[in-house]
């Protein structure tokens, strides 16, 4: 898969590969960083959801 060659790949988990075909590497990296911030408790679920929705153009 192309994502395996990206710089964003360093932080990818198995379920991230589902998104890899739909988004560019920069967007994927931002999604991963947001997920990490959410998991660490730095941002709450509402902020996480809103920022992911913006990245996905929802």
PDB file of N, CA and C in Angstrom:
ATOM      1  N   UNK A   1       0.835  -1.179   0.000  1.00  0.00           N
ATOM      2  CA  UNK A   1       0.000   0.000   0.000  1.00  0.00           C
ATOM      3  C   UNK A   1       0.878   1.239   0.000  1.00  0.00           C
ATOM      4  N   UNK A   2       0.436   2.283  -0.705  1.00  0.00           N
ATOM      5  CA  UNK A   2       1.220   3.502  -0.815  1.00  0.00           C
ATOM      6  C   UNK A   2       1.517   4.141   0.536  1.00  0.00           C
ATOM      7  N   UNK A   3       0.581   4.073   1.466  1.00  0.00           N
ATOM      8  CA  UNK A   3       0.783   4.710   2.770  1.00  0.00           C
ATOM      9  C   UNK A   3       1.987   4.141   3.499  1.00  0.00           C
ATOM     10  N   UNK A   4       2.344   2.916   3.184  1.00  0.00           N
ATOM     11  CA  UNK A   4       3.480   2.288   3.851  1.00  0.00           C
ATOM     12  C   UNK A   4       4.775   3.038   3.553  1.00  0.00           C
ATOM     13  N   UNK A   5       4.801   3.792   2.455  1.00  0.00           N
ATOM     14  CA  UNK A   5       6.000   4.524   2.083  1.00  0.00           C
ATOM     15  C   UNK A   5       5.996   5.965   2.569  1.00  0.00           C
ATOM     16  N   UNK A   6       4.949   6.392   3.223  1.00  0.00           N
ATOM     17  CA  UNK A   6       4.833   7.791   3.616  1.00  0.00           C
ATOM     18  C   UNK A   6       5.535   8.063   4.938  1.00  0.00           C
ATOM     19  N   UNK A   7       5.840   9.330   5.165  1.00  0.00           N
ATOM     20  CA  UNK A   7       6.419   9.703   6.450  1.00  0.00           C
ATOM     21  C   UNK A   7       5.393   9.570   7.562  1.00  0.00           C
ATOM     22  N   UNK A   8       4.114   9.702   7.240  1.00  0.00           N
ATOM     23  CA  UNK A   8       3.052   9.545   8.242  1.00  0.00           C
ATOM     24  C   UNK A   8       2.967   8.113   8.738  1.00  0.00           C
ATOM     25  N   UNK A   9       3.519   7.201   7.985  1.00  0.00           N
ATOM     26  CA  UNK A   9       3.425   5.778   8.320  1.00  0.00           C
ATOM     27  C   UNK A   9       4.026   5.463   9.678  1.00  0.00           C
ATOM     28  N   UNK A  10       4.988   6.234  10.118  1.00  0.00           N
ATOM     29  CA  UNK A  10       5.650   5.951  11.387  1.00  0.00           C
ATOM     30  C   UNK A  10       4.681   5.834  12.549  1.00  0.00           C
ATOM     31  N   UNK A  11       3.597   6.598  12.527  1.00  0.00           N
ATOM     32  CA  UNK A  11       2.644   6.609  13.622  1.00  0.00           C
ATOM     33  C   UNK A  11       1.352   5.868  13.302  1.00  0.00           C
ATOM     34  N   UNK A  12       1.265   5.238  12.151  1.00  0.00           N
ATOM     35  CA  UNK A  12       0.026   4.574  11.754  1.00  0.00           C
ATOM     36  C   UNK A  12      -0.204   3.291  12.529  1.00  0.00           C
ATOM     37  N   UNK A  13      -1.456   3.050  12.839  1.00  0.00           N
ATOM     38  CA  UNK A  13      -1.880   1.782  13.408  1.00  0.00           C
ATOM     39  C   UNK A  13      -2.661   1.046  12.330  1.00  0.00           C
ATOM     40  N   UNK A  14      -2.951  -0.229  12.540  1.00  0.00           N
ATOM     41  CA  UNK A  14      -3.601  -1.033  11.516  1.00  0.00           C
ATOM     42  C   UNK A  14      -4.879  -0.377  10.989  1.00  0.00           C
ATOM     43  N   UNK A  15      -5.748   0.147  11.846  1.00  0.00           N
ATOM     44  CA  UNK A  15      -6.996   0.730  11.371  1.00  0.00           C
ATOM     45  C   UNK A  15      -6.794   2.034  10.607  1.00  0.00           C
ATOM     46  N   UNK A  16      -5.631   2.662  10.713  1.00  0.00           N
ATOM     47  CA  UNK A  16      -5.357   3.863   9.941  1.00  0.00           C
ATOM     48  C   UNK A  16      -5.208   3.553   8.454  1.00  0.00           C
ATOM     49  N   UNK A  17      -4.849   2.334   8.119  1.00  0.00           N
ATOM     50  CA  UNK A  17      -4.680   1.983   6.717  1.00  0.00           C
ATOM     51  C   UNK A  17      -5.992   2.034   5.950  1.00  0.00           C
ATOM     52  N   UNK A  18      -7.122   1.938   6.642  1.00  0.00           N
ATOM     53  CA  UNK A  18      -8.423   2.046   5.990  1.00  0.00           C
ATOM     54  C   UNK A  18      -8.572   3.427   5.364  1.00  0.00           C
ATOM     55  N   UNK A  19      -8.063   4.459   6.031  1.00  0.00           N
ATOM     56  CA  UNK A  19      -8.160   5.827   5.542  1.00  0.00           C
ATOM     57  C   UNK A  19      -7.079   6.182   4.530  1.00  0.00           C
ATOM     58  N   UNK A  20      -6.028   5.422   4.482  1.00  0.00           N
ATOM     59  CA  UNK A  20      -4.841   5.803   3.723  1.00  0.00           C
ATOM     60  C   UNK A  20      -5.115   6.052   2.249  1.00  0.00           C
ATOM     61  N   UNK A  21      -6.054   5.347   1.654  1.00  0.00           N
ATOM     62  CA  UNK A  21      -6.333   5.540   0.241  1.00  0.00           C
ATOM     63  C   UNK A  21      -7.176   6.765  -0.053  1.00  0.00           C
ATOM     64  N   UNK A  22      -7.819   7.329   0.956  1.00  0.00           N
ATOM     65  CA  UNK A  22      -8.765   8.417   0.748  1.00  0.00           C
ATOM     66  C   UNK A  22      -8.212   9.805   1.047  1.00  0.00           C
ATOM     67  N   UNK A  23      -7.100   9.895   1.750  1.00  0.00           N
ATOM     68  CA  UNK A  23      -6.581  11.186   2.196  1.00  0.00           C
ATOM     69  C   UNK A  23      -5.087  11.285   1.933  1.00  0.00           C
ATOM     70  N   UNK A  24      -4.616  12.521   1.696  1.00  0.00           N
ATOM     71  CA  UNK A  24      -3.185  12.710   1.483  1.00  0.00           C
ATOM     72  C   UNK A  24      -2.436  12.538   2.807  1.00  0.00           C
ATOM     73  N   UNK A  25      -1.152  12.398   2.706  1.00  0.00           N
ATOM     74  CA  UNK A  25      -0.327  12.110   3.884  1.00  0.00           C
ATOM     75  C   UNK A  25      -0.408  13.201   4.948  1.00  0.00           C
ATOM     76  N   UNK A  26      -0.487  14.458   4.528  1.00  0.00           N
ATOM     77  CA  UNK A  26      -0.567  15.558   5.493  1.00  0.00           C
ATOM     78  C   UNK A  26      -1.871  15.477   6.295  1.00  0.00           C
ATOM     79  N   UNK A  27      -2.977  15.199   5.612  1.00  0.00           N
ATOM     80  CA  UNK A  27      -4.268  15.072   6.294  1.00  0.00           C
ATOM     81  C   UNK A  27      -4.266  13.873   7.226  1.00  0.00           C
ATOM     82  N   UNK A  28      -3.716  12.763   6.767  1.00  0.00           N
ATOM     83  CA  UNK A  28      -3.622  11.580   7.625  1.00  0.00           C
ATOM     84  C   UNK A  28      -2.808  11.876   8.878  1.00  0.00           C
ATOM     85  N   UNK A  29      -1.704  12.582   8.716  1.00  0.00           N
ATOM     86  CA  UNK A  29      -0.863  12.911   9.863  1.00  0.00           C
ATOM     87  C   UNK A  29      -1.624  13.787  10.855  1.00  0.00           C
ATOM     88  N   UNK A  30      -2.396  14.754  10.339  1.00  0.00           N
ATOM     89  CA  UNK A  30      -3.193  15.603  11.228  1.00  0.00           C
ATOM     90  C   UNK A  30      -4.231  14.780  11.980  1.00  0.00           C
ATOM     91  N   UNK A  31      -4.866  13.829  11.294  1.00  0.00           N
ATOM     92  CA  UNK A  31      -5.855  12.959  11.942  1.00  0.00           C
ATOM     93  C   UNK A  31      -5.212  12.129  13.053  1.00  0.00           C
ATOM     94  N   UNK A  32      -4.038  11.617  12.768  1.00  0.00           N
ATOM     95  CA  UNK A  32      -3.315  10.803  13.753  1.00  0.00           C
ATOM     96  C   UNK A  32      -2.942  11.652  14.961  1.00  0.00           C
ATOM     97  N   UNK A  33      -2.459  12.871  14.709  1.00  0.00           N
ATOM     98  CA  UNK A  33      -2.099  13.764  15.812  1.00  0.00           C
ATOM     99  C   UNK A  33      -3.320  14.114  16.658  1.00  0.00           C
ATOM    100  N   UNK A  34      -4.463  14.360  16.007  1.00  0.00           N
ATOM    101  CA  UNK A  34      -5.692  14.643  16.754  1.00  0.00           C
ATOM    102  C   UNK A  34      -6.110  13.451  17.596  1.00  0.00           C
ATOM    103  N   UNK A  35      -6.008  12.259  17.020  1.00  0.00           N
ATOM    104  CA  UNK A  35      -6.353  11.051  17.772  1.00  0.00           C
ATOM    105  C   UNK A  35      -5.461  10.916  19.001  1.00  0.00           C
ATOM    106  N   UNK A  36      -4.171  11.165  18.809  1.00  0.00           N
ATOM    107  CA  UNK A  36      -3.236  11.068  19.929  1.00  0.00           C
ATOM    108  C   UNK A  36      -3.563  12.091  21.015  1.00  0.00           C
ATOM    109  N   UNK A  37      -3.880  13.327  20.614  1.00  0.00           N
ATOM    110  CA  UNK A  37      -4.250  14.359  21.589  1.00  0.00           C
ATOM    111  C   UNK A  37      -5.506  13.965  22.354  1.00  0.00           C
ATOM    112  N   UNK A  38      -6.470  13.384  21.648  1.00  0.00           N
ATOM    113  CA  UNK A  38      -7.700  12.936  22.294  1.00  0.00           C
ATOM    114  C   UNK A  38      -7.414  11.811  23.283  1.00  0.00           C
ATOM    115  N   UNK A  39      -6.616  10.833  22.852  1.00  0.00           N
ATOM    116  CA  UNK A  39      -6.290   9.701  23.725  1.00  0.00           C
ATOM    117  C   UNK A  39      -5.509  10.144  24.960  1.00  0.00           C
ATOM    118  N   UNK A  40      -4.719  11.197  24.833  1.00  0.00           N
ATOM    119  CA  UNK A  40      -3.950  11.722  25.969  1.00  0.00           C
ATOM    120  C   UNK A  40      -4.783  12.648  26.858  1.00  0.00           C
ATOM    121  N   UNK A  41      -5.990  12.974  26.421  1.00  0.00           N
ATOM    122  CA  UNK A  41      -6.854  13.848  27.204  1.00  0.00           C
ATOM    123  C   UNK A  41      -6.580  15.330  27.017  1.00  0.00           C
ATOM    124  N   UNK A  42      -5.779  15.670  26.007  1.00  0.00           N
ATOM    125  CA  UNK A  42      -5.451  17.070  25.743  1.00  0.00           C
ATOM    126  C   UNK A  42      -6.656  17.800  25.134  1.00  0.00           C
ATOM    127  N   UNK A  43      -7.408  17.114  24.285  1.00  0.00           N
ATOM    128  CA  UNK A  43      -8.638  17.670  23.719  1.00  0.00           C
ATOM    129  C   UNK A  43      -9.792  16.742  24.071  1.00  0.00           C
ATOM    130  N   UNK A  44     -10.992  17.316  24.164  1.00  0.00           N
ATOM    131  CA  UNK A  44     -12.151  16.494  24.505  1.00  0.00           C
ATOM    132  C   UNK A  44     -12.795  15.918  23.239  1.00  0.00           C
ATOM    133  N   UNK A  45     -13.803  15.077  23.434  1.00  0.00           N
ATOM    134  CA  UNK A  45     -14.435  14.379  22.316  1.00  0.00           C
ATOM    135  C   UNK A  45     -15.083  15.342  21.326  1.00  0.00           C
ATOM    136  N   UNK A  46     -15.676  16.408  21.828  1.00  0.00           N
ATOM    137  CA  UNK A  46     -16.326  17.382  20.947  1.00  0.00           C
ATOM    138  C   UNK A  46     -15.307  18.062  20.046  1.00  0.00           C
ATOM    139  N   UNK A  47     -14.209  18.525  20.623  1.00  0.00           N
ATOM    140  CA  UNK A  47     -13.173  19.176  19.825  1.00  0.00           C
ATOM    141  C   UNK A  47     -12.567  18.195  18.829  1.00  0.00           C
ATOM    142  N   UNK A  48     -12.305  16.969  19.271  1.00  0.00           N
ATOM    143  CA  UNK A  48     -11.770  15.940  18.386  1.00  0.00           C
ATOM    144  C   UNK A  48     -12.710  15.725  17.204  1.00  0.00           C
ATOM    145  N   UNK A  49     -13.987  15.530  17.486  1.00  0.00           N
ATOM    146  CA  UNK A  49     -14.975  15.273  16.432  1.00  0.00           C
ATOM    147  C   UNK A  49     -15.080  16.446  15.463  1.00  0.00           C
ATOM    148  N   UNK A  50     -15.121  17.653  15.995  1.00  0.00           N
ATOM    149  CA  UNK A  50     -15.233  18.839  15.139  1.00  0.00           C
ATOM    150  C   UNK A  50     -14.020  19.003  14.236  1.00  0.00           C
ATOM    151  N   UNK A  51     -12.842  18.790  14.785  1.00  0.00           N
ATOM    152  CA  UNK A  51     -11.620  18.971  13.993  1.00  0.00           C
ATOM    153  C   UNK A  51     -11.459  17.864  12.953  1.00  0.00           C
ATOM    154  N   UNK A  52     -11.849  16.639  13.287  1.00  0.00           N
ATOM    155  CA  UNK A  52     -11.812  15.552  12.305  1.00  0.00           C
ATOM    156  C   UNK A  52     -12.811  15.834  11.187  1.00  0.00           C
ATOM    157  N   UNK A  53     -14.005  16.297  11.549  1.00  0.00           N
ATOM    158  CA  UNK A  53     -15.026  16.622  10.548  1.00  0.00           C
ATOM    159  C   UNK A  53     -14.524  17.700   9.585  1.00  0.00           C
ATOM    160  N   UNK A  54     -13.806  18.699  10.100  1.00  0.00           N
ATOM    161  CA  UNK A  54     -13.241  19.736   9.237  1.00  0.00           C
ATOM    162  C   UNK A  54     -12.235  19.140   8.256  1.00  0.00           C
ATOM    163  N   UNK A  55     -11.388  18.243   8.744  1.00  0.00           N
ATOM    164  CA  UNK A  55     -10.393  17.618   7.870  1.00  0.00           C
ATOM    165  C   UNK A  55     -11.049  16.763   6.793  1.00  0.00           C
ATOM    166  N   UNK A  56     -12.176  16.148   7.144  1.00  0.00           N
ATOM    167  CA  UNK A  56     -12.861  15.251   6.216  1.00  0.00           C
ATOM    168  C   UNK A  56     -13.897  15.990   5.367  1.00  0.00           C
ATOM    169  N   UNK A  57     -13.992  17.313   5.533  1.00  0.00           N
ATOM    170  CA  UNK A  57     -14.951  18.149   4.798  1.00  0.00           C
ATOM    171  C   UNK A  57     -16.387  17.716   5.006  1.00  0.00           C
ATOM    172  N   UNK A  58     -16.738  17.379   6.251  1.00  0.00           N
ATOM    173  CA  UNK A  58     -18.125  16.999   6.563  1.00  0.00           C
ATOM    174  C   UNK A  58     -18.908  18.209   6.942  1.00  0.00           C
TER     175      UNK A  58
END
